[in-house]
Amino acid sequence: MSVTDLPTLNAILNLVSTIFLVSGFVSIKNGKRETHKKFMVSALLSSTFFLTSYLIYHYKVGSVPYPYHDWTRPIYFVILIPHVVFAAVVVPFIVLAVWFAWNEKFAKHVKLVRFVFPVWVYVSITGIVIYAMLYR
């Protein structure tokens, strides 16, 4: 695997994270706490692998400009800008949500994830869209 393969790997990891996140959500809504826990730990791990791969790629390659100067350019930036802001902001809140769950402070966990979960899903999905627009 070379550095040029990392964007595809990152998109796959974002897809996997999204699947785990949604599966964890469905599990907890169905009262399956242990299944929820497994899915959410898996989402955390796949997102951690994504972040590691993403940082390695951009360390090696730098910034990748959007290559098209057509009607898709403003759409790309409308998706990219909130994606970047939310991705940067959500990480410490994910850590805090995990800490609350780990320490069985479930009331605080639930209160926090009402906001963190949709942002995390949004970041994962828009990461796939950005990949498709930038590399495909």
C-alpha atoms as a PDB file:
ATOM      1  CA  MET A   1       0.000   0.000   0.000  1.00  0.00           C
ATOM      2  CA  SER A   2       1.322   3.409  -0.933  1.00  0.00           C
ATOM      3  CA  VAL A   3       0.425   6.875   0.289  1.00  0.00           C
ATOM      4  CA  THR A   4      -1.747   7.366  -2.809  1.00  0.00           C
ATOM      5  CA  ASP A   5      -4.005   4.549  -1.589  1.00  0.00           C
ATOM      6  CA  LEU A   6      -4.760   6.285   1.708  1.00  0.00           C
ATOM      7  CA  PRO A   7      -7.653   8.487   0.498  1.00  0.00           C
ATOM      8  CA  THR A   8      -9.535   5.364  -0.599  1.00  0.00           C
ATOM      9  CA  LEU A   9      -8.724   3.669   2.705  1.00  0.00           C
ATOM     10  CA  ASN A  10      -9.943   6.788   4.518  1.00  0.00           C
ATOM     11  CA  ALA A  11     -13.245   6.744   2.645  1.00  0.00           C
ATOM     12  CA  ILE A  12     -13.698   3.065   3.470  1.00  0.00           C
ATOM     13  CA  LEU A  13     -12.941   3.734   7.139  1.00  0.00           C
ATOM     14  CA  ASN A  14     -15.489   6.573   7.125  1.00  0.00           C
ATOM     15  CA  LEU A  15     -18.077   4.221   5.634  1.00  0.00           C
ATOM     16  CA  VAL A  16     -17.274   1.546   8.218  1.00  0.00           C
ATOM     17  CA  SER A  17     -17.519   4.142  11.008  1.00  0.00           C
ATOM     18  CA  THR A  18     -20.908   5.271   9.723  1.00  0.00           C
ATOM     19  CA  ILE A  19     -22.185   1.689   9.639  1.00  0.00           C
ATOM     20  CA  PHE A  20     -20.954   1.048  13.178  1.00  0.00           C
ATOM     21  CA  LEU A  21     -22.442   4.335  14.439  1.00  0.00           C
ATOM     22  CA  VAL A  22     -25.867   3.676  12.955  1.00  0.00           C
ATOM     23  CA  SER A  23     -25.793   0.047  14.126  1.00  0.00           C
ATOM     24  CA  GLY A  24     -24.894   1.199  17.635  1.00  0.00           C
ATOM     25  CA  PHE A  25     -27.749   3.690  17.589  1.00  0.00           C
ATOM     26  CA  VAL A  26     -30.228   1.022  16.476  1.00  0.00           C
ATOM     27  CA  SER A  27     -28.899  -1.365  19.119  1.00  0.00           C
ATOM     28  CA  ILE A  28     -29.365   1.042  22.009  1.00  0.00           C
ATOM     29  CA  LYS A  29     -32.832   2.007  20.775  1.00  0.00           C
ATOM     30  CA  ASN A  30     -33.676  -1.712  20.891  1.00  0.00           C
ATOM     31  CA  GLY A  31     -32.330  -1.997  24.439  1.00  0.00           C
ATOM     32  CA  LYS A  32     -29.256  -4.029  23.493  1.00  0.00           C
ATOM     33  CA  ARG A  33     -26.610  -2.341  25.649  1.00  0.00           C
ATOM     34  CA  GLU A  34     -23.778  -4.834  25.092  1.00  0.00           C
ATOM     35  CA  THR A  35     -24.303  -4.835  21.329  1.00  0.00           C
ATOM     36  CA  HIS A  36     -24.422  -1.032  21.407  1.00  0.00           C
ATOM     37  CA  LYS A  37     -21.153  -0.943  23.321  1.00  0.00           C
ATOM     38  CA  LYS A  38     -19.437  -3.247  20.801  1.00  0.00           C
ATOM     39  CA  PHE A  39     -20.619  -1.193  17.834  1.00  0.00           C
ATOM     40  CA  MET A  40     -19.598   2.093  19.416  1.00  0.00           C
ATOM     41  CA  VAL A  41     -16.141   0.824  20.388  1.00  0.00           C
ATOM     42  CA  SER A  42     -15.788  -0.403  16.804  1.00  0.00           C
ATOM     43  CA  ALA A  43     -16.862   3.036  15.518  1.00  0.00           C
ATOM     44  CA  LEU A  44     -14.301   4.666  17.795  1.00  0.00           C
ATOM     45  CA  LEU A  45     -11.549   2.333  16.567  1.00  0.00           C
ATOM     46  CA  SER A  46     -12.381   2.753  12.873  1.00  0.00           C
ATOM     47  CA  SER A  47     -12.527   6.533  13.334  1.00  0.00           C
ATOM     48  CA  THR A  48      -9.164   6.431  15.121  1.00  0.00           C
ATOM     49  CA  PHE A  49      -7.664   4.412  12.266  1.00  0.00           C
ATOM     50  CA  PHE A  50      -9.173   6.935   9.850  1.00  0.00           C
ATOM     51  CA  LEU A  51      -7.660   9.892  11.700  1.00  0.00           C
ATOM     52  CA  THR A  52      -4.251   8.232  11.820  1.00  0.00           C
ATOM     53  CA  SER A  53      -4.330   7.443   8.108  1.00  0.00           C
ATOM     54  CA  TYR A  54      -5.650  10.921   7.279  1.00  0.00           C
ATOM     55  CA  LEU A  55      -2.861  12.624   9.216  1.00  0.00           C
ATOM     56  CA  ILE A  56      -0.188  10.417   7.621  1.00  0.00           C
ATOM     57  CA  TYR A  57      -1.551  11.147   4.149  1.00  0.00           C
ATOM     58  CA  HIS A  58      -1.675  14.910   4.613  1.00  0.00           C
ATOM     59  CA  TYR A  59       1.737  14.937   6.299  1.00  0.00           C
ATOM     60  CA  LYS A  60       3.186  13.250   3.214  1.00  0.00           C
ATOM     61  CA  VAL A  61       1.092  14.964   0.505  1.00  0.00           C
ATOM     62  CA  GLY A  62       0.009  18.266   2.006  1.00  0.00           C
ATOM     63  CA  SER A  63      -3.185  20.020   1.063  1.00  0.00           C
ATOM     64  CA  VAL A  64      -5.060  18.745  -1.980  1.00  0.00           C
ATOM     65  CA  PRO A  65      -6.842  21.523  -3.901  1.00  0.00           C
ATOM     66  CA  TYR A  66     -10.217  20.922  -5.487  1.00  0.00           C
ATOM     67  CA  PRO A  67      -9.372  20.289  -9.145  1.00  0.00           C
ATOM     68  CA  TYR A  68     -12.567  21.506 -10.827  1.00  0.00           C
ATOM     69  CA  HIS A  69     -13.534  25.072 -11.614  1.00  0.00           C
ATOM     70  CA  ASP A  70     -17.138  24.424 -12.568  1.00  0.00           C
ATOM     71  CA  TRP A  71     -20.563  24.448 -10.904  1.00  0.00           C
ATOM     72  CA  THR A  72     -19.440  21.745  -8.424  1.00  0.00           C
ATOM     73  CA  ARG A  73     -16.798  23.963  -6.808  1.00  0.00           C
ATOM     74  CA  PRO A  74     -19.156  25.976  -4.563  1.00  0.00           C
ATOM     75  CA  ILE A  75     -21.010  22.782  -3.621  1.00  0.00           C
ATOM     76  CA  TYR A  76     -17.708  21.189  -2.628  1.00  0.00           C
ATOM     77  CA  PHE A  77     -16.856  24.094  -0.314  1.00  0.00           C
ATOM     78  CA  VAL A  78     -20.376  24.168   1.167  1.00  0.00           C
ATOM     79  CA  ILE A  79     -19.796  20.537   2.169  1.00  0.00           C
ATOM     80  CA  LEU A  80     -16.098  20.865   3.064  1.00  0.00           C
ATOM     81  CA  ILE A  81     -16.185  23.881   5.386  1.00  0.00           C
ATOM     82  CA  PRO A  82     -18.728  22.577   7.919  1.00  0.00           C
ATOM     83  CA  HIS A  83     -17.151  19.118   7.644  1.00  0.00           C
ATOM     84  CA  VAL A  84     -13.748  20.488   8.702  1.00  0.00           C
ATOM     85  CA  VAL A  85     -15.185  22.634  11.497  1.00  0.00           C
ATOM     86  CA  PHE A  86     -17.363  19.839  12.895  1.00  0.00           C
ATOM     87  CA  ALA A  87     -14.545  17.269  12.567  1.00  0.00           C
ATOM     88  CA  ALA A  88     -12.234  19.469  14.625  1.00  0.00           C
ATOM     89  CA  VAL A  89     -14.839  20.337  17.245  1.00  0.00           C
ATOM     90  CA  VAL A  90     -16.428  16.900  17.729  1.00  0.00           C
ATOM     91  CA  VAL A  91     -13.303  14.932  18.729  1.00  0.00           C
ATOM     92  CA  PRO A  92     -13.022  16.121  22.357  1.00  0.00           C
ATOM     93  CA  PHE A  93     -16.770  15.635  22.797  1.00  0.00           C
ATOM     94  CA  ILE A  94     -16.509  12.062  21.506  1.00  0.00           C
ATOM     95  CA  VAL A  95     -13.744  11.447  24.056  1.00  0.00           C
ATOM     96  CA  LEU A  96     -15.919  12.955  26.792  1.00  0.00           C
ATOM     97  CA  ALA A  97     -18.927  10.848  25.759  1.00  0.00           C
ATOM     98  CA  VAL A  98     -16.793   7.710  25.891  1.00  0.00           C
ATOM     99  CA  TRP A  99     -15.430   8.737  29.285  1.00  0.00           C
ATOM    100  CA  PHE A 100     -18.977   9.200  30.636  1.00  0.00           C
ATOM    101  CA  ALA A 101     -20.032   5.776  29.335  1.00  0.00           C
ATOM    102  CA  TRP A 102     -16.855   4.088  30.597  1.00  0.00           C
ATOM    103  CA  ASN A 103     -17.458   5.554  34.066  1.00  0.00           C
ATOM    104  CA  GLU A 104     -21.151   4.598  33.935  1.00  0.00           C
ATOM    105  CA  LYS A 105     -22.360   8.196  34.026  1.00  0.00           C
ATOM    106  CA  PHE A 106     -25.076   7.262  31.576  1.00  0.00           C
ATOM    107  CA  ALA A 107     -27.322  10.294  32.156  1.00  0.00           C
ATOM    108  CA  LYS A 108     -24.460  12.613  31.172  1.00  0.00           C
ATOM    109  CA  HIS A 109     -23.485  10.294  28.324  1.00  0.00           C
ATOM    110  CA  VAL A 110     -27.006  10.311  26.874  1.00  0.00           C
ATOM    111  CA  LYS A 111     -27.343  14.072  27.233  1.00  0.00           C
ATOM    112  CA  LEU A 112     -24.057  14.674  25.413  1.00  0.00           C
ATOM    113  CA  VAL A 113     -24.492  12.142  22.615  1.00  0.00           C
ATOM    114  CA  ARG A 114     -27.789  13.704  21.580  1.00  0.00           C
ATOM    115  CA  PHE A 115     -25.562  16.355  19.995  1.00  0.00           C
ATOM    116  CA  VAL A 116     -22.339  14.432  19.406  1.00  0.00           C
ATOM    117  CA  PHE A 117     -23.848  11.455  17.565  1.00  0.00           C
ATOM    118  CA  PRO A 118     -25.448  13.366  14.658  1.00  0.00           C
ATOM    119  CA  VAL A 119     -22.310  15.475  14.219  1.00  0.00           C
ATOM    120  CA  TRP A 120     -20.101  12.365  14.173  1.00  0.00           C
ATOM    121  CA  VAL A 121     -22.371  10.721  11.584  1.00  0.00           C
ATOM    122  CA  TYR A 122     -22.416  13.932   9.526  1.00  0.00           C
ATOM    123  CA  VAL A 123     -18.611  14.127   9.551  1.00  0.00           C
ATOM    124  CA  SER A 124     -18.286  10.475   8.538  1.00  0.00           C
ATOM    125  CA  ILE A 125     -20.779  10.750   5.668  1.00  0.00           C
ATOM    126  CA  THR A 126     -19.481  14.055   4.358  1.00  0.00           C
ATOM    127  CA  GLY A 127     -15.960  12.611   4.489  1.00  0.00           C
ATOM    128  CA  ILE A 128     -17.096  10.011   1.952  1.00  0.00           C
ATOM    129  CA  VAL A 129     -18.740  12.689  -0.200  1.00  0.00           C
ATOM    130  CA  ILE A 130     -15.598  14.850  -0.107  1.00  0.00           C
ATOM    131  CA  TYR A 131     -13.500  11.848  -1.134  1.00  0.00           C
ATOM    132  CA  ALA A 132     -15.832  11.146  -4.060  1.00  0.00           C
ATOM    133  CA  MET A 133     -15.757  14.772  -5.193  1.00  0.00           C
ATOM    134  CA  LEU A 134     -11.998  15.172  -4.782  1.00  0.00           C
ATOM    135  CA  TYR A 135     -10.614  11.841  -5.982  1.00  0.00           C
ATOM    136  CA  ARG A 136     -13.256  10.292  -8.228  1.00  0.00           C
END
